[in-house]
Protein backbone atom coordinates (compact mmCIF):
# COMPACT_ATOMS: atom_id res chain seq x y z
CA MET A 1 -8.17 -46.58 34.63
CA LYS A 2 -11.59 -45.59 35.91
CA PHE A 3 -14.42 -47.37 34.10
CA ALA A 4 -18.14 -46.68 34.08
CA ILE A 5 -20.23 -49.77 33.34
CA ILE A 6 -23.75 -48.92 32.25
CA ALA A 7 -26.41 -51.64 32.06
CA ALA A 8 -30.11 -51.07 31.75
CA MET A 9 -31.73 -53.78 33.86
CA HIS A 10 -31.43 -55.41 37.27
CA GLU A 11 -30.80 -58.79 35.62
CA GLU A 12 -27.82 -57.29 33.82
CA CYS A 13 -26.27 -55.94 37.05
CA VAL A 14 -26.63 -58.88 39.49
CA CYS A 15 -23.32 -60.54 38.54
CA PHE A 16 -21.47 -57.23 38.78
CA ARG A 17 -22.81 -56.46 42.24
CA THR A 18 -22.10 -59.97 43.49
CA GLN A 19 -18.45 -59.94 42.42
CA LEU A 20 -17.62 -56.28 42.96
CA ASN A 21 -18.99 -56.43 46.53
CA SER A 22 -19.32 -52.67 46.42
CA PRO A 23 -19.37 -50.88 49.81
CA ASN A 24 -20.31 -47.56 48.18
CA SER A 25 -23.80 -47.16 46.75
CA GLU A 26 -25.92 -44.17 45.85
CA SER A 27 -29.22 -43.44 44.17
CA TYR A 28 -29.22 -40.94 41.31
CA LEU A 29 -32.67 -40.15 39.94
CA ASN A 30 -34.14 -43.65 39.38
CA MET A 31 -30.71 -45.31 39.04
CA GLN A 32 -28.64 -47.37 41.45
CA VAL A 33 -24.93 -46.55 41.35
CA ASN A 34 -22.16 -48.67 42.90
CA GLU A 35 -18.48 -47.77 43.23
CA ALA A 36 -15.88 -50.47 43.66
CA LYS A 37 -12.29 -51.47 43.07
CA TRP A 38 -11.75 -54.36 40.62
CA TYR A 39 -8.12 -55.43 40.64
CA ASP A 40 -6.11 -52.35 39.61
CA HIS A 41 -9.05 -50.33 38.34
CA GLU A 42 -11.88 -48.21 39.73
CA VAL A 43 -15.35 -49.16 38.56
CA VAL A 44 -18.63 -47.24 38.66
CA LEU A 45 -21.64 -49.47 37.93
CA ILE A 46 -24.86 -47.69 36.91
CA GLU A 47 -28.17 -49.49 36.46
CA SER A 48 -29.64 -46.93 34.09
CA GLY A 49 -33.09 -48.23 33.30
CA ILE A 50 -34.32 -49.10 29.81
CA GLY A 51 -34.25 -46.65 26.92
CA LYS A 52 -32.24 -43.84 25.42
CA VAL A 53 -33.18 -41.07 27.85
CA ASN A 54 -32.16 -43.15 30.85
CA ALA A 55 -28.92 -44.17 29.13
CA THR A 56 -28.14 -40.55 28.31
CA LEU A 57 -28.60 -39.48 31.92
CA ALA A 58 -26.42 -42.35 33.15
CA ALA A 59 -23.59 -41.54 30.73
CA GLN A 60 -23.57 -37.86 31.55
CA HIS A 61 -23.61 -38.60 35.29
CA ALA A 62 -20.67 -40.98 34.90
CA ILE A 63 -18.66 -38.34 33.05
CA ASP A 64 -19.63 -35.25 35.04
CA HIS A 65 -19.75 -36.65 38.57
CA TYR A 66 -17.36 -39.60 38.52
CA LYS A 67 -14.84 -38.33 35.94
CA VAL A 68 -14.50 -41.78 34.35
CA ASP A 69 -11.89 -42.51 31.69
CA HIS A 70 -13.90 -45.01 29.66
CA ILE A 71 -17.55 -46.10 29.43
CA ILE A 72 -18.61 -49.68 28.79
CA ASN A 73 -22.25 -50.27 27.90
CA THR A 74 -23.24 -53.89 28.34
CA GLY A 75 -26.16 -56.27 28.88
CA SER A 76 -28.46 -58.03 26.45
CA ALA A 77 -29.40 -57.51 22.81
CA GLY A 78 -31.43 -59.07 20.03
CA GLY A 79 -29.40 -60.70 17.26
CA ILE A 80 -29.87 -59.72 13.63
CA VAL A 81 -26.74 -61.01 11.92
CA GLU A 82 -27.18 -64.24 9.94
CA GLY A 83 -26.16 -67.30 11.94
CA ALA A 84 -26.41 -65.65 15.35
CA GLU A 85 -27.67 -67.73 18.23
CA ILE A 86 -28.88 -67.00 21.73
CA GLY A 87 -25.83 -66.79 24.01
CA ASP A 88 -23.50 -65.37 21.35
CA PHE A 89 -21.56 -62.21 22.09
CA VAL A 90 -21.81 -59.07 19.94
CA ILE A 91 -19.16 -56.38 20.11
CA ALA A 92 -19.81 -53.14 18.26
CA ASP A 93 -17.25 -51.47 16.07
CA ARG A 94 -19.87 -48.71 15.71
CA VAL A 95 -23.41 -47.91 16.80
CA CYS A 96 -26.32 -45.94 15.34
CA HIS A 97 -29.85 -44.74 16.08
CA HIS A 98 -32.24 -46.78 13.95
CA ASP A 99 -35.33 -44.73 14.92
CA ILE A 100 -34.21 -41.19 14.04
CA ASP A 101 -35.61 -39.80 10.78
CA ILE A 102 -35.31 -36.20 9.70
CA SER A 103 -34.47 -37.23 6.13
CA PRO A 104 -37.28 -35.06 4.65
CA ILE A 105 -35.20 -31.97 5.51
CA GLY A 106 -31.96 -33.21 3.98
CA PHE A 107 -30.32 -35.54 6.48
CA GLU A 108 -29.47 -39.23 6.27
CA PHE A 109 -31.66 -41.72 8.12
CA GLY A 110 -30.30 -41.93 11.68
CA GLU A 111 -28.48 -38.58 11.43
CA LEU A 112 -28.96 -35.54 13.67
CA PRO A 113 -27.58 -32.08 12.78
CA LYS A 114 -23.86 -31.73 13.56
CA LEU A 115 -23.65 -35.38 14.58
CA PRO A 116 -22.61 -38.53 12.66
CA VAL A 117 -24.87 -41.38 11.61
CA TYR A 118 -22.43 -43.88 13.12
CA TYR A 119 -20.48 -43.55 16.38
CA GLU A 120 -17.18 -45.43 16.39
CA THR A 121 -16.19 -47.46 19.45
CA ASP A 122 -12.69 -47.74 20.93
CA LYS A 123 -10.88 -49.92 18.37
CA THR A 124 -8.18 -51.20 20.72
CA ILE A 125 -10.55 -52.35 23.44
CA CYS A 126 -12.99 -53.72 20.85
CA GLN A 127 -10.27 -55.92 19.39
CA SER A 128 -9.08 -56.97 22.85
CA LEU A 129 -12.60 -58.11 23.73
CA ILE A 130 -12.87 -60.07 20.49
CA ASN A 131 -9.53 -61.74 21.24
CA LEU A 132 -10.72 -62.56 24.78
CA CYS A 133 -13.91 -64.14 23.41
CA HIS A 134 -11.89 -66.29 21.01
CA SER A 135 -9.50 -67.38 23.79
CA MET A 136 -12.48 -68.43 25.92
CA LYS A 137 -14.11 -70.28 22.98
CA HIS A 138 -17.10 -67.91 22.90
CA THR A 139 -18.90 -67.20 19.64
CA VAL A 140 -18.60 -63.50 18.91
CA HIS A 141 -19.86 -61.21 16.14
CA SER A 142 -18.50 -57.75 15.39
CA GLY A 143 -20.26 -54.98 13.47
CA THR A 144 -22.92 -52.31 13.91
CA ILE A 145 -25.30 -52.29 16.87
CA ALA A 146 -28.51 -50.34 16.16
CA THR A 147 -30.40 -48.55 18.95
CA GLY A 148 -34.02 -47.45 19.21
CA ASP A 149 -36.73 -46.90 21.79
CA THR A 150 -38.66 -49.96 20.69
CA PHE A 151 -38.38 -53.71 21.15
CA VAL A 152 -37.57 -55.16 17.72
CA TYR A 153 -39.46 -58.39 16.86
CA GLN A 154 -41.50 -57.76 13.69
CA HIS A 155 -40.13 -58.65 10.28
CA GLN A 156 -40.90 -55.17 8.93
CA GLN A 157 -38.75 -53.68 11.70
CA LEU A 158 -35.88 -56.04 10.88
CA ASN A 159 -36.09 -55.33 7.15
CA SER A 160 -36.18 -51.60 7.73
CA ILE A 161 -33.09 -51.60 10.01
CA SER A 162 -31.09 -53.94 7.76
CA THR A 163 -31.91 -51.90 4.65
CA ARG A 164 -31.10 -48.49 6.11
CA PHE A 165 -27.89 -49.33 7.99
CA ASN A 166 -24.85 -51.33 6.92
CA GLY A 167 -23.51 -54.32 8.81
CA VAL A 168 -26.07 -54.43 11.63
CA ILE A 169 -25.48 -57.44 13.89
CA ALA A 170 -27.86 -56.65 16.78
CA CYS A 171 -30.38 -54.16 18.08
CA GLU A 172 -31.11 -52.88 21.58
CA MET A 173 -32.30 -49.72 23.35
CA GLU A 174 -29.36 -47.79 24.90
CA ALA A 175 -26.00 -48.03 23.11
CA ALA A 176 -26.27 -45.16 20.63
CA ALA A 177 -27.46 -42.80 23.35
CA VAL A 178 -24.41 -43.61 25.46
CA ALA A 179 -22.24 -43.26 22.36
CA GLN A 180 -23.68 -39.86 21.49
CA VAL A 181 -22.90 -38.51 24.95
CA CYS A 182 -19.37 -39.94 24.78
CA HIS A 183 -18.87 -38.44 21.33
CA LEU A 184 -19.84 -34.99 22.57
CA PHE A 185 -17.58 -35.24 25.61
CA GLN A 186 -14.76 -36.91 23.59
CA LYS A 187 -14.80 -39.90 25.92
CA PRO A 188 -13.88 -43.39 24.61
CA PHE A 189 -16.56 -46.07 24.85
CA THR A 190 -17.17 -49.77 24.21
CA MET A 191 -20.38 -51.75 23.54
CA ILE A 192 -20.49 -55.44 24.49
CA ARG A 193 -23.71 -57.46 24.57
CA ASN A 194 -24.83 -61.06 24.93
CA LEU A 195 -27.78 -62.18 22.81
CA SER A 196 -30.91 -62.88 24.86
CA ASP A 197 -32.97 -63.43 21.72
CA ILE A 198 -32.83 -63.41 17.94
CA ALA A 199 -34.89 -60.47 16.73
CA GLY A 200 -38.12 -61.90 15.25
CA GLU A 201 -41.54 -63.15 16.21
CA HIS A 202 -40.28 -65.34 19.07
CA ALA A 203 -38.03 -62.60 20.52
CA PRO A 204 -40.35 -61.48 23.37
CA ILE A 205 -40.66 -65.05 24.72
CA ASN A 206 -36.97 -65.80 24.35
CA PHE A 207 -36.01 -62.50 25.96
CA GLN A 208 -37.95 -63.38 29.11
CA SER A 209 -36.36 -66.84 29.19
CA TYR A 210 -32.75 -65.82 28.56
CA ILE A 211 -32.31 -62.31 30.02
CA ASN A 212 -30.73 -63.65 33.22
CA GLN A 213 -28.26 -65.74 31.23
CA ALA A 214 -27.40 -62.82 28.93
CA GLY A 215 -26.88 -60.55 31.92
CA GLN A 216 -24.61 -63.05 33.61
CA GLU A 217 -22.54 -63.76 30.49
CA SER A 218 -22.06 -60.14 29.46
CA SER A 219 -21.15 -59.08 33.00
CA GLN A 220 -18.59 -61.85 33.41
CA LEU A 221 -16.87 -61.01 30.14
CA VAL A 222 -16.56 -57.36 31.13
CA LEU A 223 -15.12 -58.28 34.54
CA ASP A 224 -12.68 -60.74 32.99
CA PHE A 225 -11.57 -58.10 30.51
CA ILE A 226 -10.93 -55.42 33.14
CA LYS A 227 -9.09 -57.97 35.29
CA GLN A 228 -6.70 -58.92 32.50
CA LEU A 229 -5.77 -55.27 31.93
CA GLN A 230 -3.58 -55.38 35.05
CA LYS A 231 -1.28 -57.79 33.20
CA ALA A 232 -0.60 -55.29 30.43
C-alpha cells in the first residue's frame, strides 16, 4: 500500500524523518514532503502546518499528486474523555468539526450542506491500531475526535463540544479537514493521536511540555503499525 502520513508540526514529524531516512524531499507551498519506503510500503510524510486549511491542502496534495491509497493523520491532541491522561493514545472511529454552525438555516451543528456531521474512519485499521496498543500495553481510547481552528482550554469550550457531539474523546485542529477531503475523494483514512494535554485551564502549559513526547509516541505507533502489515 501507499500511505500518506499527515502531521501538523515539526515536533510530530521528527521521529518519522529519523527512521524513514527519506532521500526524496520536496517543498509544497509551506509544507515539507518526504517520500520513503518503510518495509513493504511506500510512505509520503507531509508536515502540513497547524489548522484546517493547511490540513485540507496537504490531504488534497497527497491524493492528487502522490495517488496514495490511505491517509493517516497523526500527532498530538487534547484529551476530553473522562479518565484520560497525558501520554494516552486516542484512535477515532469518527471525526467532526466542532466549530461549524449554520444551524439557524436548518442544519445540525457541525454539518455542511451535502456533507455528514460525522466522518467515519477505516474500521479495520482502527481496530488493528487498538489491538496493537493493547499488545504494547498502551492506554488507548476510541471514539469521536472533534476538530476546530482554536486551541481548546476553557471550560465553556469543553462543555459546548461535549454537549453538541456524542462520544468526544479528544479535540485538535486538523482531523476533520483531512476526513472531509477523504470523504469527497472516497479515500479511506485513519486518525491516531497521542495526548499532549488534557483540555482545560492547564492545557497550554502541558502542551508546551509534552508536545515532543506526543509527537514521538504517535509517530512510533504509526511506524510499528505499517511495519506489521507486511506480516499479513
